Protein backbone atom coordinates (compact mmCIF):
# COMPACT_ATOMS: atom_id res chain seq x y z
CA UNK A 1 76.85 1.65 -53.34
CA UNK A 2 74.35 2.15 -55.78
CA UNK A 3 72.33 4.25 -53.80
CA UNK A 4 75.21 6.68 -53.24
CA UNK A 5 75.77 6.72 -57.22
CA UNK A 6 72.01 7.46 -57.81
CA UNK A 7 72.23 10.15 -55.07
CA UNK A 8 75.35 11.57 -56.60
CA UNK A 9 73.65 11.75 -60.01
CA UNK A 10 70.61 13.39 -58.68
CA UNK A 11 72.59 16.04 -57.03
CA UNK A 12 74.39 16.87 -59.92
CA UNK A 13 71.60 17.14 -62.04
CA UNK A 14 69.97 19.71 -59.84
CA UNK A 15 73.25 21.72 -59.68
CA UNK A 16 73.51 21.79 -63.60
CA UNK A 17 69.88 22.53 -64.14
CA UNK A 18 69.77 25.64 -61.38
CA UNK A 19 71.32 27.88 -63.68
CA UNK A 20 69.49 27.29 -66.57
CA UNK A 21 65.97 27.82 -64.96
CA UNK A 22 65.90 31.33 -66.60
CA UNK A 23 67.20 30.23 -69.92
CA UNK A 24 64.29 27.22 -70.00
CA UNK A 25 61.62 29.98 -69.89
CA UNK A 26 62.40 31.86 -72.96
CA UNK A 27 63.58 35.00 -71.48
CA UNK A 28 64.16 38.02 -73.80
CA UNK A 29 67.92 38.90 -74.47
CA UNK A 30 67.38 42.42 -72.78
CA UNK A 31 65.96 40.59 -69.49
CA UNK A 32 68.88 38.30 -69.54
CA UNK A 33 71.31 41.03 -69.67
CA UNK A 34 69.53 42.43 -66.48
CA UNK A 35 69.56 39.19 -64.69
CA UNK A 36 73.31 38.62 -65.17
CA UNK A 37 74.15 41.35 -63.21
CA UNK A 38 71.02 41.67 -60.70
CA UNK A 39 71.36 37.99 -59.64
CA UNK A 40 74.45 39.39 -57.90
CA UNK A 41 73.51 42.88 -57.25
CA UNK A 42 69.92 42.36 -55.80
CA UNK A 43 69.32 38.58 -55.62
CA UNK A 44 66.15 39.10 -53.60
CA UNK A 45 64.46 40.77 -56.63
CA UNK A 46 65.49 38.03 -59.00
CA UNK A 47 64.40 35.15 -56.63
CA UNK A 48 61.05 36.83 -56.22
CA UNK A 49 60.67 37.45 -59.78
CA UNK A 50 61.58 33.58 -60.49
CA UNK A 51 58.74 32.60 -58.14
CA UNK A 52 56.31 34.77 -60.04
CA UNK A 53 53.67 33.81 -62.52
CA UNK A 54 55.46 36.36 -64.79
CA UNK A 55 58.42 34.28 -64.83
CA UNK A 56 56.61 31.10 -65.62
CA UNK A 57 54.55 31.60 -68.43
CA UNK A 58 54.12 33.87 -71.59
CA UNK A 59 51.16 36.02 -73.03
CA UNK A 60 50.60 33.26 -75.69
CA UNK A 61 50.40 30.74 -72.87
CA UNK A 62 48.03 32.83 -70.49
CA UNK A 63 45.64 33.58 -73.45
CA UNK A 64 44.92 29.63 -74.04
CA UNK A 65 43.62 29.36 -70.74
CA UNK A 66 39.77 29.54 -70.24
CA UNK A 67 38.38 33.23 -69.77
CA UNK A 68 37.53 32.26 -66.27
CA UNK A 69 40.90 31.18 -65.30
CA UNK A 70 42.98 34.31 -66.69
CA UNK A 71 44.64 36.85 -64.49
CA UNK A 72 45.55 39.03 -67.83
CA UNK A 73 42.65 41.12 -69.44
CA UNK A 74 44.29 41.87 -72.88
CA UNK A 75 42.59 39.90 -75.80
CA UNK A 76 45.66 39.81 -77.99
CA UNK A 77 49.47 39.42 -77.67
CA UNK A 78 51.24 42.71 -77.32
CA UNK A 79 54.27 43.37 -79.76
CA UNK A 80 57.24 41.52 -78.68
CA UNK A 81 55.74 39.71 -75.94
CA UNK A 82 54.48 36.52 -77.58
CA UNK A 83 57.20 34.20 -76.99
CA UNK A 84 59.06 35.52 -73.85
CA UNK A 85 58.06 35.67 -70.21
CA UNK A 86 57.52 39.05 -68.42
CA UNK A 87 60.87 39.97 -67.14
CA UNK A 88 62.78 42.81 -65.85
CA UNK A 89 62.81 44.73 -69.53
CA UNK A 90 59.19 43.93 -70.20
CA UNK A 91 58.32 46.25 -67.49
CA UNK A 92 61.35 48.62 -67.20
CA UNK A 93 62.12 49.13 -70.79
CA UNK A 94 59.13 48.65 -73.09
CA UNK A 95 57.33 52.19 -72.32
CA UNK A 96 60.45 54.28 -71.92
CA UNK A 97 59.67 57.20 -74.01
CA UNK A 98 56.59 57.58 -71.94
CA UNK A 99 58.46 58.02 -68.46
CA UNK A 100 60.47 61.05 -67.45
CA UNK A 101 62.65 58.88 -65.07
CA UNK A 102 64.04 57.01 -68.16
CA UNK A 103 67.78 56.95 -68.46
CA UNK A 104 70.73 55.05 -70.37
CA UNK A 105 71.55 51.89 -68.33
CA UNK A 106 73.96 49.30 -69.54
CA UNK A 107 72.84 49.95 -73.08
CA UNK A 108 69.18 50.21 -72.45
CA UNK A 109 66.59 53.13 -71.94
CA UNK A 110 65.44 52.05 -68.66
CA UNK A 111 62.73 53.90 -66.30
CA UNK A 112 62.84 52.95 -62.56
CA UNK A 113 59.00 53.40 -61.67
CA UNK A 114 56.77 50.78 -63.05
CA UNK A 115 53.38 52.34 -63.38
CA UNK A 116 49.68 50.88 -64.29
CA UNK A 117 50.64 52.52 -67.57
CA UNK A 118 53.08 49.75 -68.05
CA UNK A 119 50.82 47.03 -66.48
CA UNK A 120 48.25 48.23 -68.74
CA UNK A 121 50.04 46.39 -71.61
CA UNK A 122 48.71 42.98 -70.38
CA UNK A 123 45.85 44.25 -67.88
CA UNK A 124 44.12 47.05 -69.79
CA UNK A 125 40.81 46.14 -68.04
CA UNK A 126 42.38 46.38 -64.60
CA UNK A 127 43.93 49.48 -64.77
CA UNK A 128 40.88 51.14 -66.36
CA UNK A 129 38.61 49.83 -63.54
CA UNK A 130 41.48 51.27 -60.93
CA UNK A 131 41.28 54.70 -62.62
CA UNK A 132 37.82 55.01 -61.54
CA UNK A 133 38.48 53.95 -58.02
CA UNK A 134 38.97 56.66 -55.50
CA UNK A 135 42.18 55.18 -54.69
CA UNK A 136 43.78 56.20 -57.96
CA UNK A 137 42.95 59.66 -57.11
CA UNK A 138 44.17 59.46 -53.32
CA UNK A 139 47.24 62.15 -53.76
CA UNK A 140 45.02 64.57 -55.48
CA UNK A 141 41.91 64.15 -53.42
CA UNK A 142 44.20 64.62 -50.30
CA UNK A 143 46.57 67.22 -51.70
CA UNK A 144 44.08 69.17 -53.86
CA UNK A 145 41.51 69.74 -51.13
CA UNK A 146 42.08 72.77 -49.21
CA UNK A 147 40.16 71.46 -46.26
CA UNK A 148 41.95 67.97 -45.85
CA UNK A 149 45.13 69.75 -46.83
CA UNK A 150 44.41 71.95 -43.69
CA UNK A 151 43.97 68.95 -41.60
CA UNK A 152 46.95 67.14 -42.91
CA UNK A 153 48.97 70.13 -41.99
CA UNK A 154 47.51 70.21 -38.55
CA UNK A 155 49.00 66.82 -38.00
CA UNK A 156 52.49 67.05 -39.83
CA UNK A 157 53.26 70.59 -38.97
CA UNK A 158 55.96 71.09 -36.10
CA UNK A 159 54.33 72.68 -33.27
CA UNK A 160 56.10 75.25 -30.99
CA UNK A 161 54.87 76.85 -27.53
CA UNK A 162 55.57 80.59 -27.52
CA UNK A 163 54.32 83.17 -25.01
CA UNK A 164 51.72 80.90 -23.82
CA UNK A 165 50.27 79.88 -27.35
CA UNK A 166 50.70 76.82 -29.35
CA UNK A 167 51.91 77.57 -32.93
CA UNK A 168 52.04 75.87 -36.05
CA UNK A 169 54.83 75.85 -38.68
CA UNK A 170 53.82 77.34 -41.88
CA UNK A 171 55.38 74.69 -44.00
CA UNK A 172 55.60 70.99 -43.71
CA UNK A 173 58.67 69.44 -45.25
CA UNK A 174 58.25 66.92 -47.84
CA UNK A 175 59.92 64.07 -46.06
CA UNK A 176 57.41 64.41 -43.13
CA UNK A 177 54.53 64.20 -45.44
CA UNK A 178 55.80 61.12 -47.51
CA UNK A 179 56.37 59.53 -44.39
CA UNK A 180 52.87 59.98 -42.99
CA UNK A 181 49.77 60.57 -44.91
CA UNK A 182 51.44 60.40 -48.29
CA UNK A 183 53.10 56.98 -47.52
CA UNK A 184 49.39 55.55 -48.34
CA UNK A 185 47.98 58.22 -50.48
CA UNK A 186 51.09 58.24 -52.71
CA UNK A 187 53.42 60.94 -53.40
CA UNK A 188 54.30 62.71 -56.75
CA UNK A 189 57.37 61.29 -58.20
CA UNK A 190 59.35 63.87 -60.04
CA UNK A 191 62.82 63.68 -61.77
CA UNK A 192 65.25 66.40 -60.23
CA UNK A 193 68.45 65.56 -62.20
CA UNK A 194 70.98 62.92 -62.28
CA UNK A 195 73.42 61.74 -59.67
CA UNK A 196 76.57 59.39 -59.79
CA UNK A 197 76.26 56.62 -57.20
CA UNK A 198 78.94 54.07 -56.31
CA UNK A 199 77.56 50.39 -56.99
CA UNK A 200 79.10 46.98 -56.55
CA UNK A 201 79.91 47.15 -60.57
CA UNK A 202 81.39 50.49 -60.58
CA UNK A 203 79.84 54.34 -60.57
CA UNK A 204 76.83 54.68 -62.47
CA UNK A 205 74.51 57.44 -63.25
CA UNK A 206 71.07 57.34 -61.87
CA UNK A 207 68.10 59.96 -61.69
CA UNK A 208 67.24 61.82 -58.57
CA UNK A 209 63.70 60.80 -57.77
CA UNK A 210 61.89 63.04 -55.51
CA UNK A 211 58.96 61.62 -53.68
CA UNK A 212 60.79 58.33 -54.12
CA UNK A 213 60.32 55.20 -52.61
CA UNK A 214 56.69 55.18 -52.54
CA UNK A 215 53.79 52.55 -53.59
CA UNK A 216 50.95 54.70 -52.34
CA UNK A 217 47.53 53.74 -54.02
CA UNK A 218 47.20 57.48 -55.75
CA UNK A 219 50.93 58.19 -56.57
CA UNK A 220 51.60 60.38 -59.52
CA UNK A 221 54.00 58.71 -61.70
CA UNK A 222 56.62 60.04 -63.78
CA UNK A 223 54.52 59.05 -67.09
CA UNK A 224 51.63 60.73 -65.68
CA UNK A 225 49.51 57.90 -64.84
CA UNK A 226 48.05 57.46 -60.93
CA UNK A 227 48.28 54.75 -58.76
CA UNK A 228 50.64 51.91 -57.86
CA UNK A 229 49.76 47.97 -58.72
CA UNK A 230 52.66 47.05 -56.27
CA UNK A 231 50.37 48.75 -53.36
CA UNK A 232 48.51 45.44 -53.48
CA UNK A 233 50.70 43.12 -55.68
CA UNK A 234 54.02 43.74 -54.10
CA UNK A 235 57.34 43.83 -56.32
CA UNK A 236 58.60 41.52 -57.91
CA UNK A 237 56.28 38.50 -57.20
CA UNK A 238 53.37 40.78 -57.77
CA UNK A 239 51.44 37.66 -56.22
CA UNK A 240 47.58 37.17 -56.36
CA UNK A 241 47.98 35.34 -53.08
CA UNK A 242 49.21 38.32 -51.20
CA UNK A 243 46.76 40.34 -52.53
CA UNK A 244 44.01 38.32 -51.40
CA UNK A 245 45.34 38.09 -47.81
CA UNK A 246 43.99 40.67 -45.35
CA UNK A 247 47.46 41.68 -44.27
CA UNK A 248 47.74 43.51 -47.54
CA UNK A 249 44.89 45.87 -46.81
CA UNK A 250 46.22 46.25 -43.18
CA UNK A 251 49.00 48.20 -44.47
CA UNK A 252 46.97 51.00 -44.97
CA UNK A 253 43.61 50.29 -43.49
CA UNK A 254 44.46 49.62 -39.88
CA UNK A 255 44.60 52.88 -37.88
CA UNK A 256 41.60 54.37 -36.16
CA UNK A 257 40.63 56.29 -39.22
CA UNK A 258 40.21 53.18 -41.07
CA UNK A 259 40.23 50.31 -38.91
CA UNK A 260 39.17 47.40 -41.29
CA UNK A 261 41.68 45.05 -40.20
CA UNK A 262 41.56 45.23 -36.58
CA UNK A 263 37.59 44.95 -37.01
CA UNK A 264 38.07 41.97 -39.38
CA UNK A 265 40.23 40.12 -36.66
CA UNK A 266 37.62 40.12 -34.18
CA UNK A 267 34.79 39.30 -36.59
CA UNK A 268 33.73 35.74 -37.05
CA UNK A 269 35.28 35.89 -40.49
CA UNK A 270 38.79 36.98 -39.23
CA UNK A 271 38.37 34.09 -36.76
CA UNK A 272 37.71 31.61 -39.43
CA UNK A 273 40.59 32.88 -41.45
CA UNK A 274 42.94 32.91 -38.62
CA UNK A 275 42.17 29.17 -37.91
CA UNK A 276 41.99 27.95 -41.55
CA UNK A 277 43.71 29.99 -43.88
CA UNK A 278 46.71 27.94 -43.98
CA UNK A 279 44.45 25.23 -45.69
CA UNK A 280 43.03 27.61 -48.19
CA UNK A 281 44.41 27.98 -51.93
CA UNK A 282 45.16 31.59 -52.58
CA UNK A 283 46.54 30.94 -56.10
CA UNK A 284 43.41 29.24 -57.38
CA UNK A 285 41.77 31.10 -60.40
CA UNK A 286 38.59 31.04 -60.61
CA UNK A 287 38.65 31.36 -56.82
CA UNK A 288 35.93 28.91 -55.62
CA UNK A 289 33.82 29.67 -52.52
CA UNK A 290 33.70 26.52 -49.94
CA UNK A 291 36.90 24.82 -51.92
CA UNK A 292 39.36 27.31 -52.19
CA UNK A 293 38.51 29.37 -49.03
CA UNK A 294 35.65 29.31 -46.65
CA UNK A 295 35.29 32.90 -45.06
CA UNK A 296 35.84 36.12 -46.86
CA UNK A 297 39.00 38.30 -46.84
CA UNK A 298 38.90 42.04 -48.13
CA UNK A 299 39.56 40.83 -51.46
CA UNK A 300 36.72 38.52 -51.61
CA UNK A 301 34.02 41.18 -50.95
CA UNK A 302 35.62 43.94 -52.78
CA UNK A 303 37.91 42.63 -55.88
CA UNK A 304 37.81 38.96 -56.50
CA UNK A 305 36.43 37.17 -59.05
CA UNK A 306 34.30 34.47 -57.10
CA UNK A 307 32.96 31.24 -58.56
CA UNK A 308 31.01 28.01 -57.31
CA UNK A 309 32.36 24.51 -57.58
CA UNK A 310 30.24 24.04 -60.99
CA UNK A 311 32.29 27.04 -62.42
CA UNK A 312 29.55 29.43 -62.46
CA UNK A 313 30.45 33.17 -61.87
CA UNK A 314 29.26 34.55 -58.71
CA UNK A 315 30.61 38.00 -58.92
CA UNK A 316 32.96 39.23 -61.60
CA UNK A 317 36.80 40.61 -60.82
CA UNK A 318 36.80 44.29 -60.55
CA UNK A 319 39.67 46.75 -59.69
CA UNK A 320 37.28 49.66 -59.04
CA UNK A 321 36.95 48.90 -55.10
CA UNK A 322 33.89 50.53 -54.67
CA UNK A 323 31.78 48.57 -57.25
CA UNK A 324 30.12 46.47 -54.62
CA UNK A 325 29.91 49.31 -51.91
CA UNK A 326 26.70 51.43 -51.43
CA UNK A 327 28.12 53.77 -49.12
CA UNK A 328 31.46 55.70 -48.65
CA UNK A 329 31.87 54.98 -44.86
CA UNK A 330 35.17 56.80 -43.90
CA UNK A 331 37.38 59.53 -44.36
CA UNK A 332 34.78 62.04 -44.55
CA UNK A 333 32.66 64.20 -42.01
CA UNK A 334 29.55 62.21 -43.07
CA UNK A 335 29.10 58.91 -44.50
CA UNK A 336 27.10 59.25 -47.73
CA UNK A 337 26.70 57.73 -51.35
CA UNK A 338 29.86 57.17 -53.49
CA UNK A 339 31.03 60.33 -55.77
CA UNK A 340 30.38 59.55 -59.07
CA UNK A 341 33.82 60.80 -60.18
CA UNK A 342 37.17 59.20 -58.70
CA UNK A 343 38.41 63.05 -58.53
CA UNK A 344 36.47 64.48 -55.61
CA UNK A 345 38.10 68.13 -55.75
CA UNK A 346 35.55 68.79 -58.20
CA UNK A 347 32.84 68.63 -55.65
CA UNK A 348 31.36 71.91 -53.92
CA UNK A 349 28.81 72.20 -51.40
CA UNK A 350 26.57 75.10 -50.59
CA UNK A 351 29.20 76.68 -48.61
CA UNK A 352 31.86 76.54 -51.54
CA UNK A 353 33.65 73.52 -49.58
CA UNK A 354 35.24 70.79 -51.60
CA UNK A 355 33.02 68.35 -49.39
CA UNK A 356 30.31 65.89 -50.59
CA UNK A 357 28.16 67.04 -47.89
CA UNK A 358 27.39 70.25 -45.86
CA UNK A 359 28.70 70.54 -42.44
CA UNK A 360 25.19 69.73 -41.23
CA UNK A 361 24.93 66.25 -43.26
CA UNK A 362 23.01 67.02 -46.44
CA UNK A 363 24.47 65.36 -49.12
CA UNK A 364 25.56 67.06 -52.49
CA UNK A 365 23.41 64.63 -54.50
CA UNK A 366 24.36 66.03 -57.93
CA UNK A 367 27.86 64.72 -57.38
CA UNK A 368 26.81 61.44 -55.68
CA UNK A 369 25.48 58.02 -57.34
CA UNK A 370 21.88 58.04 -57.12
CA UNK A 371 19.57 55.40 -55.48
CA UNK A 372 19.43 53.05 -58.19
CA UNK A 373 23.32 52.94 -58.50
CA UNK A 374 23.48 52.33 -54.72
CA UNK A 375 21.13 49.57 -54.83
CA UNK A 376 23.11 48.10 -57.82
CA UNK A 377 26.25 48.20 -55.83
CA UNK A 378 24.59 46.61 -52.77
CA UNK A 379 23.26 43.90 -54.73
CA UNK A 380 26.56 42.90 -55.99
CA UNK A 381 28.29 42.70 -52.48
CA UNK A 382 25.14 40.64 -51.32
CA UNK A 383 25.79 38.20 -54.08
CA UNK A 384 29.18 37.40 -52.11
CA UNK A 385 27.19 36.92 -48.77
CA UNK A 386 24.55 34.95 -50.31
CA UNK A 387 27.26 32.27 -51.21
CA UNK A 388 27.64 31.38 -47.77
CA UNK A 389 24.57 32.83 -46.02
CA UNK A 390 20.71 32.63 -46.32
CA UNK A 391 18.77 35.60 -47.61
CA UNK A 392 17.26 36.44 -44.27
CA UNK A 393 20.74 36.41 -42.65
CA UNK A 394 22.02 38.87 -45.27
CA UNK A 395 18.96 41.20 -45.46
CA UNK A 396 19.10 41.61 -41.63
CA UNK A 397 22.85 42.53 -41.65
CA UNK A 398 22.46 45.17 -44.32
CA UNK A 399 19.59 46.60 -42.60
CA UNK A 400 21.58 46.82 -39.52
CA UNK A 401 24.15 48.46 -41.31
CA UNK A 402 22.00 51.31 -42.98
CA UNK A 403 20.99 51.99 -39.67
CA UNK A 404 24.42 52.53 -38.42
CA UNK A 405 24.96 54.75 -40.89
CA UNK A 406 21.89 56.84 -39.95
CA UNK A 407 22.72 56.73 -36.34
CA UNK A 408 26.57 57.57 -36.46
CA UNK A 409 25.71 60.45 -38.98
CA UNK A 410 23.34 61.87 -36.35
CA UNK A 411 26.12 61.29 -33.42
CA UNK A 412 28.51 63.67 -35.92
CA UNK A 413 25.95 65.97 -36.51
CA UNK A 414 25.49 66.52 -32.63
CA UNK A 415 28.97 67.10 -32.39
CA UNK A 416 29.23 69.45 -35.25
CA UNK A 417 26.30 71.87 -33.72
CA UNK A 418 28.56 71.84 -30.45
CA UNK A 419 31.34 73.10 -32.61
CA UNK A 420 29.63 75.76 -34.45
CA UNK A 421 28.19 77.05 -31.35
CA UNK A 422 31.79 77.43 -30.01
CA UNK A 423 32.61 79.34 -33.20
CA UNK A 424 29.24 81.56 -33.19
CA UNK A 425 29.87 82.41 -29.37
CA UNK A 426 33.44 83.28 -30.34
CA UNK A 427 35.48 80.87 -27.79
CA UNK A 428 36.84 79.11 -30.84
CA UNK A 429 37.74 80.46 -34.39
CA UNK A 430 36.41 78.78 -37.41
CA UNK A 431 35.33 79.48 -41.10
CA UNK A 432 33.88 82.85 -40.17
CA UNK A 433 37.29 84.24 -38.70
CA UNK A 434 38.90 82.44 -41.84
CA UNK A 435 40.83 80.28 -39.32
CA UNK A 436 41.96 76.50 -39.57
CA UNK A 437 38.92 74.32 -38.36
CA UNK A 438 41.42 71.73 -37.15
CA UNK A 439 43.91 73.50 -34.53
CA UNK A 440 41.84 74.03 -31.50
CA UNK A 441 41.07 71.44 -28.88
CA UNK A 442 37.07 71.16 -29.52
CA UNK A 443 38.10 71.11 -33.25
CA UNK A 444 40.14 68.29 -32.75
CA UNK A 445 37.57 66.56 -30.54
CA UNK A 446 35.07 67.10 -33.47
CA UNK A 447 37.47 65.20 -36.04
CA UNK A 448 37.95 62.18 -33.56
CA UNK A 449 34.22 62.05 -33.53
CA UNK A 450 33.84 61.45 -37.40
CA UNK A 451 37.31 60.27 -38.27
CA UNK A 452 37.84 57.77 -35.46
CA UNK A 453 34.81 56.79 -33.58
CA UNK A 454 31.81 57.04 -36.27
CA UNK A 455 34.21 55.22 -38.67
CA UNK A 456 35.04 52.49 -36.22
CA UNK A 457 31.31 52.12 -35.56
CA UNK A 458 30.48 51.72 -39.36
CA UNK A 459 33.16 49.42 -40.26
CA UNK A 460 32.13 47.39 -37.15
CA UNK A 461 28.63 47.02 -38.32
CA UNK A 462 29.65 46.52 -42.12
CA UNK A 463 32.19 43.91 -41.21
CA UNK A 464 30.18 41.78 -38.42
CA UNK A 465 32.81 42.90 -35.95
CA UNK A 466 30.52 44.58 -33.46
CA UNK A 467 32.46 44.55 -30.31
CA UNK A 468 34.96 46.97 -32.01
CA UNK A 469 32.20 49.44 -32.55
CA UNK A 470 30.99 49.58 -29.09
CA UNK A 471 33.67 49.88 -26.28
CA UNK A 472 36.87 49.65 -28.39
CA UNK A 473 36.51 52.94 -30.41
CA UNK A 474 33.01 52.94 -31.28
CA UNK A 475 29.70 54.11 -29.77
CA UNK A 476 30.94 54.70 -26.22
CA UNK A 477 33.55 57.18 -27.32
CA UNK A 478 31.14 58.80 -29.83
CA UNK A 479 29.04 59.53 -26.54
CA UNK A 480 31.87 60.32 -24.25
CA UNK A 481 33.30 62.71 -27.06
CA UNK A 482 30.08 64.57 -27.21
CA UNK A 483 29.89 65.01 -23.74
CA UNK A 484 33.59 66.38 -23.35
CA UNK A 485 32.85 68.76 -26.19
CA UNK A 486 29.74 70.21 -24.37
CA UNK A 487 31.73 70.41 -21.18
CA UNK A 488 34.62 72.40 -23.04
CA UNK A 489 32.09 74.77 -24.50
CA UNK A 490 30.39 75.31 -21.05
CA UNK A 491 33.89 75.82 -19.34
CA UNK A 492 34.73 78.36 -22.19
CA UNK A 493 31.62 80.41 -21.73
CA UNK A 494 31.92 80.33 -17.92
CA UNK A 495 35.66 81.67 -18.55
CA UNK A 496 34.50 84.45 -20.91
CA UNK A 497 31.45 85.80 -18.62
CA UNK A 498 34.27 86.18 -15.59
CA UNK A 499 36.26 88.30 -18.21
């Protein structure tokens, strides 16, 4: 009887305390107003937020932590955020005047799209670093570059077969672009008026957003900022644990053009992750190598603050993802040193094309980081490696990687020579004929040479997943592709002679 009585008391206590969870955490009046409806309307969102660090601490409490343990970078308490946790209103109302998507909602001026400009209130360093990152300009670097816009159109445009020829539609619809390349690169979010929608709480007015939904890394937001923090820190938990796991990067780095996740899974690091990750601590700050994790993830190498068991910092946290990278290894015709500016549309090669190299591989050196900066970034990456490996091991790995950069560029150059020969011999139309360089069979083979096969080989070398860079999508296919391009050219020339 006594046992049943105690059990009843515990159950009653838990039931009574559940509804007051939010109230006990000093929630602002505006956020509480949001929660009163959204606990019913969007319970998943509220539940995710309740599990987040945002819901469990205030800025004041966060600033009391040692600097090495903080996940915010502001050094002072933002106005109005001292005593309350970061809730709905703190993200969706605070910068209302800066947002074109702001609208009146239940007595508050609310904006739908939370941008890096909003996150910068508490995370100014992270936002500043990210703005220097190529990802932040992913939309403009794709859409603002005529060469890559042409490649994008050759992928997304509806094709037709008429009178023995394949033709491409002149315009690609916005939905197709948003559902393909811009899903990761980001869309431009624009307000196109207001609409009345029927909700569980009655008819309500909401903005019509073009380009929404999207969480691409270079998204153009209604407040003019670039990027989306939720690309890596998903709403509404904004979890550091999620961002540290390779599955997050795999959302956009899995296909043959950027096969980082596939290479990782076949690497020794990926094997260790698959075997032991359930025992790792993905929430610890600082993240201690050997204690919290025993093999790197994407974040370990490119972003995270890593420390040793004595609390000494091995590498600082950075949201400029190329801070530890000597080479830019994917997405471009040839691997090259990283650009100085995150806006690569400003680069022009000798041919006047917005590319960081010539078609023959020579770098546009003035637009790229110099050798000193390259070595500095590589040294930062090697600090991560040296926390588990000897100097000899690390030195040997990076020497092999540099050699792979050299050889894959050489194989791409060979493919380029065959393509240029096809243009010069008038069996394909290229730049001289002011035609697309992506719409013929030999041109598509050329694209695969660098966008798929060279990229895969470089990723495999960089991430110690060598098998993927041989037969899976690497060296074998570079060799095979060159032969197919050469055979295509011979066939076209032979056919031309007969005519």
